[in-house]
């Protein structure tokens, strides 16, 4: 299976319209999720881990108590790709 290619800045900005809670930070898609407590934050990470593993595309994330900070980039493409947008959408869907 061919790996995705890096999107242009124009393509990224266009696609961000569908993900209003995400932005570009340090050349990657970024979002901070907040939950009521650690248990909910960890449950979210567990749900997303299963999806990410199925996609073979894994997030860079950091968790402290009720916050999960996520950066998405495709290392072998050197930037943001379609895979990152798909995983960001899946993360948003995992909230509900």
PDB file of N, CA and C in Angstrom:
ATOM      1  N   UNK A   1       0.837  -1.181   0.000  1.00  0.00           N
ATOM      2  CA  UNK A   1       0.000   0.000   0.000  1.00  0.00           C
ATOM      3  C   UNK A   1       0.884   1.248   0.000  1.00  0.00           C
ATOM      4  N   UNK A   2       0.627   2.142  -0.919  1.00  0.00           N
ATOM      5  CA  UNK A   2       1.415   3.369  -1.023  1.00  0.00           C
ATOM      6  C   UNK A   2       1.101   4.306   0.137  1.00  0.00           C
ATOM      7  N   UNK A   3       2.135   4.922   0.663  1.00  0.00           N
ATOM      8  CA  UNK A   3       1.956   5.884   1.746  1.00  0.00           C
ATOM      9  C   UNK A   3       1.490   7.209   1.153  1.00  0.00           C
ATOM     10  N   UNK A   4       0.742   7.995   1.923  1.00  0.00           N
ATOM     11  CA  UNK A   4       0.238   9.267   1.407  1.00  0.00           C
ATOM     12  C   UNK A   4       1.361  10.303   1.249  1.00  0.00           C
ATOM     13  N   UNK A   5       1.069  11.290   0.441  1.00  0.00           N
ATOM     14  CA  UNK A   5       2.039  12.364   0.212  1.00  0.00           C
ATOM     15  C   UNK A   5       1.663  13.593   1.022  1.00  0.00           C
ATOM     16  N   UNK A   6       2.655  14.393   1.289  1.00  0.00           N
ATOM     17  CA  UNK A   6       2.490  15.624   2.054  1.00  0.00           C
ATOM     18  C   UNK A   6       1.537  16.564   1.321  1.00  0.00           C
ATOM     19  N   UNK A   7       0.604  17.160   2.066  1.00  0.00           N
ATOM     20  CA  UNK A   7      -0.346  18.112   1.492  1.00  0.00           C
ATOM     21  C   UNK A   7       0.290  19.503   1.431  1.00  0.00           C
ATOM     22  N   UNK A   8      -0.159  20.305   0.487  1.00  0.00           N
ATOM     23  CA  UNK A   8       0.310  21.689   0.392  1.00  0.00           C
ATOM     24  C   UNK A   8      -0.345  22.523   1.490  1.00  0.00           C
ATOM     25  N   UNK A   9       0.228  23.672   1.774  1.00  0.00           N
ATOM     26  CA  UNK A   9      -0.357  24.574   2.767  1.00  0.00           C
ATOM     27  C   UNK A   9      -1.789  24.958   2.394  1.00  0.00           C
ATOM     28  N   UNK A  10      -2.040  25.157   1.120  1.00  0.00           N
ATOM     29  CA  UNK A  10      -3.386  25.504   0.645  1.00  0.00           C
ATOM     30  C   UNK A  10      -4.367  24.366   0.911  1.00  0.00           C
ATOM     31  N   UNK A  11      -3.947  23.129   0.621  1.00  0.00           N
ATOM     32  CA  UNK A  11      -4.810  21.969   0.880  1.00  0.00           C
ATOM     33  C   UNK A  11      -5.092  21.828   2.379  1.00  0.00           C
ATOM     34  N   UNK A  12      -4.080  22.036   3.191  1.00  0.00           N
ATOM     35  CA  UNK A  12      -4.245  21.921   4.642  1.00  0.00           C
ATOM     36  C   UNK A  12      -5.242  22.955   5.150  1.00  0.00           C
ATOM     37  N   UNK A  13      -5.069  24.198   4.748  1.00  0.00           N
ATOM     38  CA  UNK A  13      -5.975  25.258   5.200  1.00  0.00           C
ATOM     39  C   UNK A  13      -7.403  24.983   4.761  1.00  0.00           C
ATOM     40  N   UNK A  14      -7.565  24.481   3.558  1.00  0.00           N
ATOM     41  CA  UNK A  14      -8.897  24.148   3.055  1.00  0.00           C
ATOM     42  C   UNK A  14      -9.550  23.050   3.896  1.00  0.00           C
ATOM     43  N   UNK A  15      -8.798  22.019   4.226  1.00  0.00           N
ATOM     44  CA  UNK A  15      -9.336  20.893   4.989  1.00  0.00           C
ATOM     45  C   UNK A  15      -9.589  21.237   6.454  1.00  0.00           C
ATOM     46  N   UNK A  16      -8.871  22.198   6.980  1.00  0.00           N
ATOM     47  CA  UNK A  16      -9.083  22.595   8.378  1.00  0.00           C
ATOM     48  C   UNK A  16     -10.491  23.140   8.609  1.00  0.00           C
ATOM     49  N   UNK A  17     -11.142  23.615   7.549  1.00  0.00           N
ATOM     50  CA  UNK A  17     -12.507  24.105   7.675  1.00  0.00           C
ATOM     51  C   UNK A  17     -13.462  23.047   8.197  1.00  0.00           C
ATOM     52  N   UNK A  18     -13.170  21.781   7.910  1.00  0.00           N
ATOM     53  CA  UNK A  18     -14.011  20.679   8.368  1.00  0.00           C
ATOM     54  C   UNK A  18     -13.661  20.236   9.785  1.00  0.00           C
ATOM     55  N   UNK A  19     -12.553  20.755  10.322  1.00  0.00           N
ATOM     56  CA  UNK A  19     -12.097  20.399  11.666  1.00  0.00           C
ATOM     57  C   UNK A  19     -11.816  21.676  12.452  1.00  0.00           C
ATOM     58  N   UNK A  20     -12.850  22.400  12.848  1.00  0.00           N
ATOM     59  CA  UNK A  20     -12.667  23.730  13.442  1.00  0.00           C
ATOM     60  C   UNK A  20     -11.878  23.758  14.749  1.00  0.00           C
ATOM     61  N   UNK A  21     -11.782  22.647  15.453  1.00  0.00           N
ATOM     62  CA  UNK A  21     -11.056  22.629  16.720  1.00  0.00           C
ATOM     63  C   UNK A  21      -9.570  22.293  16.556  1.00  0.00           C
ATOM     64  N   UNK A  22      -9.159  22.058  15.329  1.00  0.00           N
ATOM     65  CA  UNK A  22      -7.772  21.720  15.030  1.00  0.00           C
ATOM     66  C   UNK A  22      -7.068  22.911  14.394  1.00  0.00           C
ATOM     67  N   UNK A  23      -5.759  22.983  14.575  1.00  0.00           N
ATOM     68  CA  UNK A  23      -4.947  24.014  13.937  1.00  0.00           C
ATOM     69  C   UNK A  23      -3.604  23.405  13.578  1.00  0.00           C
ATOM     70  N   UNK A  24      -2.795  24.157  12.866  1.00  0.00           N
ATOM     71  CA  UNK A  24      -1.438  23.715  12.558  1.00  0.00           C
ATOM     72  C   UNK A  24      -0.509  24.310  13.608  1.00  0.00           C
ATOM     73  N   UNK A  25       0.308  23.450  14.194  1.00  0.00           N
ATOM     74  CA  UNK A  25       1.288  23.851  15.202  1.00  0.00           C
ATOM     75  C   UNK A  25       2.549  23.038  14.964  1.00  0.00           C
ATOM     76  N   UNK A  26       3.664  23.711  14.802  1.00  0.00           N
ATOM     77  CA  UNK A  26       4.949  23.044  14.578  1.00  0.00           C
ATOM     78  C   UNK A  26       4.906  22.116  13.365  1.00  0.00           C
ATOM     79  N   UNK A  27       4.156  22.520  12.335  1.00  0.00           N
ATOM     80  CA  UNK A  27       4.086  21.742  11.098  1.00  0.00           C
ATOM     81  C   UNK A  27       3.227  20.500  11.180  1.00  0.00           C
ATOM     82  N   UNK A  28       2.403  20.402  12.242  1.00  0.00           N
ATOM     83  CA  UNK A  28       1.546  19.240  12.431  1.00  0.00           C
ATOM     84  C   UNK A  28       0.150  19.714  12.814  1.00  0.00           C
ATOM     85  N   UNK A  29      -0.835  18.841  12.616  1.00  0.00           N
ATOM     86  CA  UNK A  29      -2.175  19.145  13.115  1.00  0.00           C
ATOM     87  C   UNK A  29      -2.132  19.055  14.635  1.00  0.00           C
ATOM     88  N   UNK A  30      -2.833  19.975  15.292  1.00  0.00           N
ATOM     89  CA  UNK A  30      -2.809  20.009  16.755  1.00  0.00           C
ATOM     90  C   UNK A  30      -4.200  20.260  17.314  1.00  0.00           C
ATOM     91  N   UNK A  31      -4.469  19.574  18.418  1.00  0.00           N
ATOM     92  CA  UNK A  31      -5.686  19.849  19.193  1.00  0.00           C
ATOM     93  C   UNK A  31      -5.444  19.437  20.637  1.00  0.00           C
ATOM     94  N   UNK A  32      -6.039  20.191  21.544  1.00  0.00           N
ATOM     95  CA  UNK A  32      -6.040  19.802  22.949  1.00  0.00           C
ATOM     96  C   UNK A  32      -7.457  19.415  23.325  1.00  0.00           C
ATOM     97  N   UNK A  33      -7.612  18.214  23.843  1.00  0.00           N
ATOM     98  CA  UNK A  33      -8.898  17.707  24.316  1.00  0.00           C
ATOM     99  C   UNK A  33      -8.931  17.843  25.835  1.00  0.00           C
ATOM    100  N   UNK A  34     -10.080  18.230  26.372  1.00  0.00           N
ATOM    101  CA  UNK A  34     -10.253  18.331  27.830  1.00  0.00           C
ATOM    102  C   UNK A  34     -11.444  17.473  28.249  1.00  0.00           C
ATOM    103  N   UNK A  35     -11.254  16.790  29.351  1.00  0.00           N
ATOM    104  CA  UNK A  35     -12.268  15.879  29.858  1.00  0.00           C
ATOM    105  C   UNK A  35     -12.568  16.211  31.320  1.00  0.00           C
ATOM    106  N   UNK A  36     -13.577  15.575  31.879  1.00  0.00           N
ATOM    107  CA  UNK A  36     -13.952  15.838  33.268  1.00  0.00           C
ATOM    108  C   UNK A  36     -12.881  15.359  34.240  1.00  0.00           C
ATOM    109  N   UNK A  37     -12.201  14.264  33.871  1.00  0.00           N
ATOM    110  CA  UNK A  37     -11.201  13.700  34.777  1.00  0.00           C
ATOM    111  C   UNK A  37     -10.230  12.810  33.995  1.00  0.00           C
ATOM    112  N   UNK A  38      -9.272  12.259  34.715  1.00  0.00           N
ATOM    113  CA  UNK A  38      -8.256  11.403  34.104  1.00  0.00           C
ATOM    114  C   UNK A  38      -8.862  10.153  33.490  1.00  0.00           C
ATOM    115  N   UNK A  39      -9.832   9.562  34.178  1.00  0.00           N
ATOM    116  CA  UNK A  39     -10.447   8.326  33.686  1.00  0.00           C
ATOM    117  C   UNK A  39     -11.079   8.530  32.308  1.00  0.00           C
ATOM    118  N   UNK A  40     -11.764   9.649  32.115  1.00  0.00           N
ATOM    119  CA  UNK A  40     -12.366   9.933  30.801  1.00  0.00           C
ATOM    120  C   UNK A  40     -11.301  10.211  29.744  1.00  0.00           C
ATOM    121  N   UNK A  41     -10.256  10.911  30.133  1.00  0.00           N
ATOM    122  CA  UNK A  41      -9.166  11.191  29.184  1.00  0.00           C
ATOM    123  C   UNK A  41      -8.507   9.894  28.740  1.00  0.00           C
ATOM    124  N   UNK A  42      -8.262   9.002  29.691  1.00  0.00           N
ATOM    125  CA  UNK A  42      -7.612   7.739  29.367  1.00  0.00           C
ATOM    126  C   UNK A  42      -8.520   6.838  28.536  1.00  0.00           C
ATOM    127  N   UNK A  43      -9.808   6.859  28.815  1.00  0.00           N
ATOM    128  CA  UNK A  43     -10.765   6.071  28.027  1.00  0.00           C
ATOM    129  C   UNK A  43     -10.774   6.552  26.579  1.00  0.00           C
ATOM    130  N   UNK A  44     -10.722   7.867  26.386  1.00  0.00           N
ATOM    131  CA  UNK A  44     -10.642   8.438  25.040  1.00  0.00           C
ATOM    132  C   UNK A  44      -9.381   7.943  24.337  1.00  0.00           C
ATOM    133  N   UNK A  45      -8.260   7.992  25.025  1.00  0.00           N
ATOM    134  CA  UNK A  45      -7.003   7.544  24.427  1.00  0.00           C
ATOM    135  C   UNK A  45      -7.068   6.066  24.053  1.00  0.00           C
ATOM    136  N   UNK A  46      -7.728   5.272  24.868  1.00  0.00           N
ATOM    137  CA  UNK A  46      -7.873   3.847  24.577  1.00  0.00           C
ATOM    138  C   UNK A  46      -8.706   3.627  23.320  1.00  0.00           C
ATOM    139  N   UNK A  47      -9.814   4.369  23.198  1.00  0.00           N
ATOM    140  CA  UNK A  47     -10.652   4.252  21.988  1.00  0.00           C
ATOM    141  C   UNK A  47      -9.861   4.649  20.744  1.00  0.00           C
ATOM    142  N   UNK A  48      -9.138   5.742  20.838  1.00  0.00           N
ATOM    143  CA  UNK A  48      -8.375   6.237  19.690  1.00  0.00           C
ATOM    144  C   UNK A  48      -7.218   5.299  19.355  1.00  0.00           C
ATOM    145  N   UNK A  49      -6.601   4.709  20.360  1.00  0.00           N
ATOM    146  CA  UNK A  49      -5.478   3.801  20.116  1.00  0.00           C
ATOM    147  C   UNK A  49      -5.882   2.647  19.207  1.00  0.00           C
ATOM    148  N   UNK A  50      -7.075   2.122  19.414  1.00  0.00           N
ATOM    149  CA  UNK A  50      -7.547   1.012  18.578  1.00  0.00           C
ATOM    150  C   UNK A  50      -7.714   1.454  17.122  1.00  0.00           C
ATOM    151  N   UNK A  51      -8.264   2.637  16.927  1.00  0.00           N
ATOM    152  CA  UNK A  51      -8.459   3.172  15.572  1.00  0.00           C
ATOM    153  C   UNK A  51      -7.102   3.462  14.922  1.00  0.00           C
ATOM    154  N   UNK A  52      -6.211   4.104  15.664  1.00  0.00           N
ATOM    155  CA  UNK A  52      -4.890   4.456  15.134  1.00  0.00           C
ATOM    156  C   UNK A  52      -4.122   3.206  14.741  1.00  0.00           C
ATOM    157  N   UNK A  53      -4.206   2.173  15.559  1.00  0.00           N
ATOM    158  CA  UNK A  53      -3.501   0.940  15.248  1.00  0.00           C
ATOM    159  C   UNK A  53      -4.063   0.292  13.992  1.00  0.00           C
ATOM    160  N   UNK A  54      -5.378   0.336  13.840  1.00  0.00           N
ATOM    161  CA  UNK A  54      -6.013  -0.216  12.644  1.00  0.00           C
ATOM    162  C   UNK A  54      -5.568   0.554  11.398  1.00  0.00           C
ATOM    163  N   UNK A  55      -5.400   1.873  11.534  1.00  0.00           N
ATOM    164  CA  UNK A  55      -4.955   2.717  10.418  1.00  0.00           C
ATOM    165  C   UNK A  55      -3.452   2.600  10.175  1.00  0.00           C
ATOM    166  N   UNK A  56      -2.726   2.023  11.131  1.00  0.00           N
ATOM    167  CA  UNK A  56      -1.262   2.005  11.127  1.00  0.00           C
ATOM    168  C   UNK A  56      -0.722   3.435  11.033  1.00  0.00           C
ATOM    169  N   UNK A  57      -1.355   4.300  11.826  1.00  0.00           N
ATOM    170  CA  UNK A  57      -0.973   5.713  11.878  1.00  0.00           C
ATOM    171  C   UNK A  57      -1.162   6.191  13.309  1.00  0.00           C
ATOM    172  N   UNK A  58      -0.069   6.484  13.975  1.00  0.00           N
ATOM    173  CA  UNK A  58      -0.107   6.690  15.418  1.00  0.00           C
ATOM    174  C   UNK A  58       0.170   8.140  15.796  1.00  0.00           C
ATOM    175  N   UNK A  59      -0.614   8.659  16.734  1.00  0.00           N
ATOM    176  CA  UNK A  59      -0.479  10.059  17.129  1.00  0.00           C
ATOM    177  C   UNK A  59       0.720  10.291  18.051  1.00  0.00           C
ATOM    178  N   UNK A  60       1.172  11.526  18.062  1.00  0.00           N
ATOM    179  CA  UNK A  60       2.064  11.993  19.116  1.00  0.00           C
ATOM    180  C   UNK A  60       1.122  12.645  20.113  1.00  0.00           C
ATOM    181  N   UNK A  61       1.040  12.103  21.306  1.00  0.00           N
ATOM    182  CA  UNK A  61       0.127  12.691  22.270  1.00  0.00           C
ATOM    183  C   UNK A  61       0.727  12.715  23.651  1.00  0.00           C
ATOM    184  N   UNK A  62       0.149  13.593  24.456  1.00  0.00           N
ATOM    185  CA  UNK A  62       0.652  13.850  25.796  1.00  0.00           C
ATOM    186  C   UNK A  62      -0.553  14.020  26.699  1.00  0.00           C
ATOM    187  N   UNK A  63      -0.560  13.298  27.808  1.00  0.00           N
ATOM    188  CA  UNK A  63      -1.696  13.336  28.719  1.00  0.00           C
ATOM    189  C   UNK A  63      -1.250  13.751  30.111  1.00  0.00           C
ATOM    190  N   UNK A  64      -1.946  14.722  30.676  1.00  0.00           N
ATOM    191  CA  UNK A  64      -1.820  15.083  32.085  1.00  0.00           C
ATOM    192  C   UNK A  64      -3.233  15.263  32.611  1.00  0.00           C
ATOM    193  N   UNK A  65      -3.564  14.496  33.613  1.00  0.00           N
ATOM    194  CA  UNK A  65      -4.864  14.491  34.263  1.00  0.00           C
ATOM    195  C   UNK A  65      -6.011  14.469  33.247  1.00  0.00           C
ATOM    196  N   UNK A  66      -6.687  15.601  33.034  1.00  0.00           N
ATOM    197  CA  UNK A  66      -7.879  15.606  32.178  1.00  0.00           C
ATOM    198  C   UNK A  66      -7.613  16.152  30.777  1.00  0.00           C
ATOM    199  N   UNK A  67      -6.363  16.375  30.422  1.00  0.00           N
ATOM    200  CA  UNK A  67      -6.022  16.939  29.114  1.00  0.00           C
ATOM    201  C   UNK A  67      -5.245  15.935  28.274  1.00  0.00           C
ATOM    202  N   UNK A  68      -5.563  15.923  26.987  1.00  0.00           N
ATOM    203  CA  UNK A  68      -4.812  15.131  26.018  1.00  0.00           C
ATOM    204  C   UNK A  68      -4.435  16.081  24.888  1.00  0.00           C
ATOM    205  N   UNK A  69      -3.142  16.321  24.716  1.00  0.00           N
ATOM    206  CA  UNK A  69      -2.645  17.173  23.630  1.00  0.00           C
ATOM    207  C   UNK A  69      -2.143  16.276  22.514  1.00  0.00           C
ATOM    208  N   UNK A  70      -2.586  16.573  21.287  1.00  0.00           N
ATOM    209  CA  UNK A  70      -2.295  15.711  20.150  1.00  0.00           C
ATOM    210  C   UNK A  70      -1.624  16.501  19.028  1.00  0.00           C
ATOM    211  N   UNK A  71      -0.554  15.945  18.495  1.00  0.00           N
ATOM    212  CA  UNK A  71       0.066  16.434  17.263  1.00  0.00           C
ATOM    213  C   UNK A  71       0.012  15.288  16.254  1.00  0.00           C
ATOM    214  N   UNK A  72      -0.447  15.586  15.053  1.00  0.00           N
ATOM    215  CA  UNK A  72      -0.522  14.582  13.993  1.00  0.00           C
ATOM    216  C   UNK A  72       0.302  15.019  12.802  1.00  0.00           C
ATOM    217  N   UNK A  73       1.210  14.176  12.398  1.00  0.00           N
ATOM    218  CA  UNK A  73       2.017  14.391  11.205  1.00  0.00           C
ATOM    219  C   UNK A  73       2.435  13.028  10.681  1.00  0.00           C
ATOM    220  N   UNK A  74       2.745  12.969   9.428  1.00  0.00           N
ATOM    221  CA  UNK A  74       3.175  11.708   8.819  1.00  0.00           C
ATOM    222  C   UNK A  74       4.681  11.792   8.620  1.00  0.00           C
ATOM    223  N   UNK A  75       5.410  11.111   9.475  1.00  0.00           N
ATOM    224  CA  UNK A  75       6.868  11.238   9.500  1.00  0.00           C
ATOM    225  C   UNK A  75       7.521  10.902   8.160  1.00  0.00           C
ATOM    226  N   UNK A  76       7.104   9.797   7.543  1.00  0.00           N
ATOM    227  CA  UNK A  76       7.769   9.401   6.300  1.00  0.00           C
ATOM    228  C   UNK A  76       7.404  10.307   5.121  1.00  0.00           C
ATOM    229  N   UNK A  77       6.361  11.133   5.264  1.00  0.00           N
ATOM    230  CA  UNK A  77       6.016  12.100   4.207  1.00  0.00           C
ATOM    231  C   UNK A  77       6.588  13.481   4.521  1.00  0.00           C
ATOM    232  N   UNK A  78       7.065  13.668   5.739  1.00  0.00           N
ATOM    233  CA  UNK A  78       7.654  14.948   6.113  1.00  0.00           C
ATOM    234  C   UNK A  78       6.642  16.058   6.358  1.00  0.00           C
ATOM    235  N   UNK A  79       5.428  15.703   6.754  1.00  0.00           N
ATOM    236  CA  UNK A  79       4.423  16.737   7.016  1.00  0.00           C
ATOM    237  C   UNK A  79       3.040  16.155   7.181  1.00  0.00           C
ATOM    238  N   UNK A  80       2.060  16.995   6.970  1.00  0.00           N
ATOM    239  CA  UNK A  80       0.657  16.623   7.140  1.00  0.00           C
ATOM    240  C   UNK A  80       0.131  15.975   5.866  1.00  0.00           C
ATOM    241  N   UNK A  81      -0.558  14.842   6.040  1.00  0.00           N
ATOM    242  CA  UNK A  81      -1.129  14.108   4.904  1.00  0.00           C
ATOM    243  C   UNK A  81      -2.606  13.825   5.155  1.00  0.00           C
ATOM    244  N   UNK A  82      -3.211  13.181   4.198  1.00  0.00           N
ATOM    245  CA  UNK A  82      -4.608  12.763   4.317  1.00  0.00           C
ATOM    246  C   UNK A  82      -4.811  11.863   5.537  1.00  0.00           C
ATOM    247  N   UNK A  83      -3.824  11.035   5.848  1.00  0.00           N
ATOM    248  CA  UNK A  83      -3.921  10.156   7.016  1.00  0.00           C
ATOM    249  C   UNK A  83      -4.121  10.955   8.298  1.00  0.00           C
ATOM    250  N   UNK A  84      -3.442  12.090   8.411  1.00  0.00           N
ATOM    251  CA  UNK A  84      -3.567  12.912   9.605  1.00  0.00           C
ATOM    252  C   UNK A  84      -4.980  13.475   9.741  1.00  0.00           C
ATOM    253  N   UNK A  85      -5.542  13.897   8.633  1.00  0.00           N
ATOM    254  CA  UNK A  85      -6.917  14.410   8.668  1.00  0.00           C
ATOM    255  C   UNK A  85      -7.911  13.297   8.991  1.00  0.00           C
ATOM    256  N   UNK A  86      -7.665  12.098   8.476  1.00  0.00           N
ATOM    257  CA  UNK A  86      -8.554  10.975   8.790  1.00  0.00           C
ATOM    258  C   UNK A  86      -8.487  10.623  10.263  1.00  0.00           C
ATOM    259  N   UNK A  87      -7.279  10.613  10.833  1.00  0.00           N
ATOM    260  CA  UNK A  87      -7.159  10.303  12.254  1.00  0.00           C
ATOM    261  C   UNK A  87      -7.740  11.425  13.110  1.00  0.00           C
ATOM    262  N   UNK A  88      -7.558  12.675  12.710  1.00  0.00           N
ATOM    263  CA  UNK A  88      -8.146  13.798  13.451  1.00  0.00           C
ATOM    264  C   UNK A  88      -9.669  13.667  13.465  1.00  0.00           C
ATOM    265  N   UNK A  89     -10.255  13.327  12.335  1.00  0.00           N
ATOM    266  CA  UNK A  89     -11.714  13.136  12.259  1.00  0.00           C
ATOM    267  C   UNK A  89     -12.167  11.988  13.151  1.00  0.00           C
ATOM    268  N   UNK A  90     -11.390  10.910  13.154  1.00  0.00           N
ATOM    269  CA  UNK A  90     -11.718   9.766  14.002  1.00  0.00           C
ATOM    270  C   UNK A  90     -11.619  10.140  15.478  1.00  0.00           C
ATOM    271  N   UNK A  91     -10.655  10.979  15.820  1.00  0.00           N
ATOM    272  CA  UNK A  91     -10.534  11.426  17.210  1.00  0.00           C
ATOM    273  C   UNK A  91     -11.739  12.272  17.614  1.00  0.00           C
ATOM    274  N   UNK A  92     -12.147  13.166  16.736  1.00  0.00           N
ATOM    275  CA  UNK A  92     -13.345  13.964  17.023  1.00  0.00           C
ATOM    276  C   UNK A  92     -14.567  13.060  17.210  1.00  0.00           C
ATOM    277  N   UNK A  93     -14.686  12.050  16.370  1.00  0.00           N
ATOM    278  CA  UNK A  93     -15.822  11.112  16.460  1.00  0.00           C
ATOM    279  C   UNK A  93     -15.772  10.297  17.743  1.00  0.00           C
ATOM    280  N   UNK A  94     -14.582  10.022  18.247  1.00  0.00           N
ATOM    281  CA  UNK A  94     -14.421   9.223  19.464  1.00  0.00           C
ATOM    282  C   UNK A  94     -14.872   9.964  20.724  1.00  0.00           C
ATOM    283  N   UNK A  95     -15.104  11.251  20.589  1.00  0.00           N
ATOM    284  CA  UNK A  95     -15.579  12.037  21.742  1.00  0.00           C
ATOM    285  C   UNK A  95     -16.996  11.654  22.143  1.00  0.00           C
ATOM    286  N   UNK A  96     -17.818  11.306  21.154  1.00  0.00           N
ATOM    287  CA  UNK A  96     -19.223  11.057  21.434  1.00  0.00           C
ATOM    288  C   UNK A  96     -19.535   9.662  21.496  1.00  0.00           C
TER     289      UNK A  96
END
